[in-house]
């Protein structure tokens, strides 16, 4: 997950949605689904820019057993996962029991982390959101995304999109080198240090390790 979309070029859109079918700003147009042995990937597209991780009321629903009779009943599916993108938390349903979960509970990733009209997300396939029960129990799943502000959903109400998880894996990622392409490059680091933690002794070795490895010319520090 890097906010770039070249690796989606050979993936056909799972859903193509009508433009203008929502009453607000966010209007979904397409959704793609993909996976590897570790993650389910979801890519979405809208007609306008918005912030995926803040200031929205967009819900990601995943019916992880493809059974409309279990989980949260919404849009013709029964979702075991309801993820609130703008609030960065969600709910996991198992046998009628609800568990509040956070990013690490499902290994959620989303990018880009700035406003955009296109985003990609990942959810871990081998997660136990309540520390006991698996998120994914089979290979067939259903996915629905709803913007409660605009009323738009993809796929539309009354339509479901199913996806079959594969068992194949992808080659390991190549490490990103820290070396500069050119000695004349200027390297800038922007870092939120969370309430002056740079001056807290328990964190200073971590800061030193990171900054030594990256070796920036200019620091732009937030919460300093």
Protein backbone atom coordinates (compact mmCIF):
# COMPACT_ATOMS: atom_id res chain seq x y z
CA UNK A 1 0.00 0.00 0.00
CA UNK A 2 1.76 3.13 -1.21
CA UNK A 3 -0.89 5.36 -2.77
CA UNK A 4 0.39 4.54 -6.27
CA UNK A 5 -1.77 2.57 -8.66
CA UNK A 6 0.50 1.15 -11.35
CA UNK A 7 0.23 -2.31 -9.77
CA UNK A 8 -3.54 -2.28 -10.39
CA UNK A 9 -3.22 -1.91 -14.15
CA UNK A 10 -4.12 -5.54 -14.88
CA UNK A 11 -6.97 -5.70 -12.34
CA UNK A 12 -10.44 -5.14 -13.76
CA UNK A 13 -12.87 -3.01 -11.73
CA UNK A 14 -15.21 -5.15 -9.66
CA UNK A 15 -17.91 -2.45 -9.67
CA UNK A 16 -18.58 0.52 -11.96
CA UNK A 17 -21.03 2.91 -10.31
CA UNK A 18 -23.22 5.63 -11.80
CA UNK A 19 -22.06 9.22 -11.36
CA UNK A 20 -24.29 11.60 -9.45
CA UNK A 21 -26.25 8.98 -7.50
CA UNK A 22 -25.35 10.46 -4.10
CA UNK A 23 -26.77 13.59 -2.49
CA UNK A 24 -23.43 14.88 -1.15
CA UNK A 25 -19.83 15.53 -2.15
CA UNK A 26 -18.49 11.96 -2.15
CA UNK A 27 -19.67 10.08 -5.23
CA UNK A 28 -18.08 6.67 -5.75
CA UNK A 29 -17.40 5.66 -9.35
CA UNK A 30 -15.38 2.41 -9.26
CA UNK A 31 -14.15 -0.24 -6.85
CA UNK A 32 -11.45 -2.86 -7.38
CA UNK A 33 -10.65 -5.94 -5.28
CA UNK A 34 -7.44 -7.98 -5.16
CA UNK A 35 -5.49 -10.09 -2.69
CA UNK A 36 -2.31 -11.96 -1.92
CA UNK A 37 -1.56 -14.53 0.75
CA UNK A 38 -1.48 -11.86 3.48
CA UNK A 39 -3.96 -9.13 2.56
CA UNK A 40 -7.26 -8.25 0.94
CA UNK A 41 -6.81 -5.08 -1.11
CA UNK A 42 -9.59 -2.60 -1.90
CA UNK A 43 -9.22 0.32 -4.28
CA UNK A 44 -11.91 3.01 -4.60
CA UNK A 45 -12.42 6.02 -6.83
CA UNK A 46 -14.61 9.10 -6.37
CA UNK A 47 -15.51 12.11 -8.50
CA UNK A 48 -14.04 14.50 -5.89
CA UNK A 49 -11.14 14.62 -3.46
CA UNK A 50 -11.64 13.68 0.19
CA UNK A 51 -9.58 12.53 3.17
CA UNK A 52 -9.75 8.76 3.64
CA UNK A 53 -8.69 8.77 7.30
CA UNK A 54 -10.42 11.87 8.65
CA UNK A 55 -13.46 14.10 8.32
CA UNK A 56 -15.71 11.56 6.57
CA UNK A 57 -18.51 9.17 7.45
CA UNK A 58 -17.56 6.39 5.05
CA UNK A 59 -18.05 2.80 6.16
CA UNK A 60 -16.28 -0.24 4.73
CA UNK A 61 -18.26 -3.46 5.17
CA UNK A 62 -16.81 -6.91 4.54
CA UNK A 63 -18.97 -10.03 4.66
CA UNK A 64 -16.15 -12.45 5.38
CA UNK A 65 -18.25 -15.63 5.21
CA UNK A 66 -20.51 -14.58 2.27
CA UNK A 67 -23.53 -15.29 4.47
CA UNK A 68 -26.21 -12.60 4.60
CA UNK A 69 -27.70 -14.21 7.72
CA UNK A 70 -24.68 -13.45 9.91
CA UNK A 71 -23.09 -10.15 10.93
CA UNK A 72 -24.41 -6.63 10.36
CA UNK A 73 -27.31 -6.59 7.87
CA UNK A 74 -26.57 -3.89 5.30
CA UNK A 75 -27.07 -3.59 1.55
CA UNK A 76 -28.00 -7.24 1.12
CA UNK A 77 -24.95 -8.65 2.91
CA UNK A 78 -24.16 -9.73 6.47
CA UNK A 79 -20.91 -8.01 7.37
CA UNK A 80 -18.57 -9.40 10.01
CA UNK A 81 -16.47 -6.23 9.69
CA UNK A 82 -17.71 -2.63 9.80
CA UNK A 83 -14.75 -0.25 9.48
CA UNK A 84 -15.26 3.51 10.01
CA UNK A 85 -12.65 5.07 7.73
CA UNK A 86 -12.92 8.62 9.06
CA UNK A 87 -12.81 7.53 12.71
CA UNK A 88 -10.12 4.84 12.27
CA UNK A 89 -11.94 2.18 14.29
CA UNK A 90 -14.56 -0.43 13.64
CA UNK A 91 -16.66 -3.36 14.82
CA UNK A 92 -16.10 -7.09 14.46
CA UNK A 93 -19.11 -9.39 14.73
CA UNK A 94 -18.79 -13.07 15.62
CA UNK A 95 -21.72 -15.26 16.66
CA UNK A 96 -23.71 -12.13 17.50
CA UNK A 97 -20.98 -10.67 19.72
CA UNK A 98 -19.54 -7.24 18.89
CA UNK A 99 -15.93 -6.22 19.49
CA UNK A 100 -14.59 -2.69 19.00
CA UNK A 101 -11.39 -2.89 16.99
CA UNK A 102 -8.61 -0.58 15.80
CA UNK A 103 -6.05 -0.51 12.98
CA UNK A 104 -3.76 -3.14 14.45
CA UNK A 105 -6.70 -5.48 15.08
CA UNK A 106 -7.11 -6.02 11.33
CA UNK A 107 -3.73 -4.69 10.12
CA UNK A 108 -5.52 -1.92 8.23
CA UNK A 109 -3.57 0.29 5.82
CA UNK A 110 -4.80 3.10 3.59
CA UNK A 111 -3.08 5.47 1.17
CA UNK A 112 -2.52 8.13 0.07
CA UNK A 113 -2.61 9.86 3.46
CA UNK A 114 -3.57 13.19 1.89
CA UNK A 115 -6.79 14.21 0.15
CA UNK A 116 -7.35 12.40 -3.13
CA UNK A 117 -10.10 11.04 -5.37
CA UNK A 118 -8.52 7.58 -5.38
CA UNK A 119 -7.34 5.35 -2.55
CA UNK A 120 -6.11 1.84 -1.88
CA UNK A 121 -6.63 -0.07 1.36
CA UNK A 122 -5.48 -3.36 2.83
CA UNK A 123 -6.96 -5.65 5.50
CA UNK A 124 -4.94 -8.55 6.93
CA UNK A 125 -6.24 -12.00 6.01
CA UNK A 126 -4.87 -13.87 9.02
CA UNK A 127 -6.16 -11.60 11.77
CA UNK A 128 -8.04 -12.45 14.98
CA UNK A 129 -9.83 -9.15 15.66
CA UNK A 130 -11.20 -10.28 19.03
CA UNK A 131 -8.01 -12.24 19.81
CA UNK A 132 -9.89 -15.52 19.38
CA UNK A 133 -11.83 -15.78 16.13
CA UNK A 134 -10.55 -15.31 12.56
CA UNK A 135 -11.76 -12.39 10.50
CA UNK A 136 -11.88 -14.47 7.31
CA UNK A 137 -13.44 -17.92 7.59
CA UNK A 138 -13.68 -18.87 3.91
CA UNK A 139 -12.53 -17.85 0.47
CA UNK A 140 -15.72 -16.13 -0.77
CA UNK A 141 -16.37 -12.63 0.56
CA UNK A 142 -18.59 -9.64 -0.23
CA UNK A 143 -17.59 -5.98 0.04
CA UNK A 144 -19.72 -2.84 0.36
CA UNK A 145 -18.71 0.80 0.92
CA UNK A 146 -21.24 3.38 2.12
CA UNK A 147 -20.94 7.15 2.57
CA UNK A 148 -23.62 7.94 5.14
CA UNK A 149 -23.36 11.68 4.38
CA UNK A 150 -24.12 11.48 0.67
CA UNK A 151 -26.09 8.24 0.77
CA UNK A 152 -23.94 6.83 -2.01
CA UNK A 153 -22.88 3.21 -1.81
CA UNK A 154 -20.83 0.95 -4.02
CA UNK A 155 -22.20 -1.39 -5.21
CA UNK A 156 -25.69 0.13 -5.22
CA UNK A 157 -28.39 -1.07 -2.84
CA UNK A 158 -29.84 -4.39 -3.94
CA UNK A 159 -26.63 -5.40 -5.71
CA UNK A 160 -23.83 -7.41 -4.14
CA UNK A 161 -20.30 -8.00 -5.35
CA UNK A 162 -18.60 -11.27 -4.44
CA UNK A 163 -14.89 -11.94 -4.54
CA UNK A 164 -12.94 -15.17 -4.15
CA UNK A 165 -9.70 -14.98 -2.23
CA UNK A 166 -6.79 -16.75 -3.93
CA UNK A 167 -4.13 -18.77 -2.16
CA UNK A 168 -1.17 -17.55 -4.23
CA UNK A 169 1.59 -15.38 -2.84
CA UNK A 170 3.58 -12.52 -4.31
CA UNK A 171 7.36 -12.11 -4.36
CA UNK A 172 8.80 -10.38 -1.28
CA UNK A 173 9.09 -6.64 -1.54
CA UNK A 174 12.45 -5.21 -2.51
CA UNK A 175 13.97 -3.03 0.23
CA UNK A 176 13.92 0.69 -0.46
CA UNK A 177 17.48 2.01 -0.42
CA UNK A 178 18.33 5.01 1.74
CA UNK A 179 21.03 6.16 -0.66
CA UNK A 180 20.27 9.36 -2.52
CA UNK A 181 19.98 9.06 -6.31
CA UNK A 182 22.35 12.00 -6.56
CA UNK A 183 24.75 13.54 -4.00
CA UNK A 184 23.24 16.91 -4.83
CA UNK A 185 19.73 15.86 -3.74
CA UNK A 186 18.27 17.69 -0.77
CA UNK A 187 16.51 15.38 1.70
CA UNK A 188 13.64 16.74 3.83
CA UNK A 189 12.00 14.86 6.71
CA UNK A 190 8.61 15.82 8.12
CA UNK A 191 7.83 14.08 11.39
CA UNK A 192 5.11 14.40 14.03
CA UNK A 193 7.05 13.75 17.25
CA UNK A 194 3.91 13.60 19.46
CA UNK A 195 4.04 16.12 22.27
CA UNK A 196 7.79 16.80 22.40
CA UNK A 197 8.80 13.14 22.65
CA UNK A 198 12.12 14.03 21.05
CA UNK A 199 13.09 15.34 24.51
CA UNK A 200 11.85 12.27 26.40
CA UNK A 201 14.82 10.03 27.25
CA UNK A 202 12.89 6.78 26.71
CA UNK A 203 12.37 7.67 23.04
CA UNK A 204 15.64 9.40 22.18
CA UNK A 205 17.49 6.29 21.00
CA UNK A 206 14.62 5.52 18.61
CA UNK A 207 14.75 9.03 17.18
CA UNK A 208 18.52 8.77 16.84
CA UNK A 209 18.27 5.45 14.99
CA UNK A 210 15.67 6.78 12.54
CA UNK A 211 17.33 10.11 11.86
CA UNK A 212 20.79 8.57 11.48
CA UNK A 213 19.48 6.04 8.94
CA UNK A 214 17.58 8.61 6.88
CA UNK A 215 20.21 11.34 7.26
CA UNK A 216 18.10 14.37 6.31
CA UNK A 217 19.29 17.87 5.52
CA UNK A 218 16.15 19.59 6.80
CA UNK A 219 13.79 18.57 9.60
CA UNK A 220 10.18 19.69 9.69
CA UNK A 221 8.89 18.64 13.12
CA UNK A 222 5.29 18.84 14.33
CA UNK A 223 4.18 19.02 17.98
CA UNK A 224 7.53 20.49 18.93
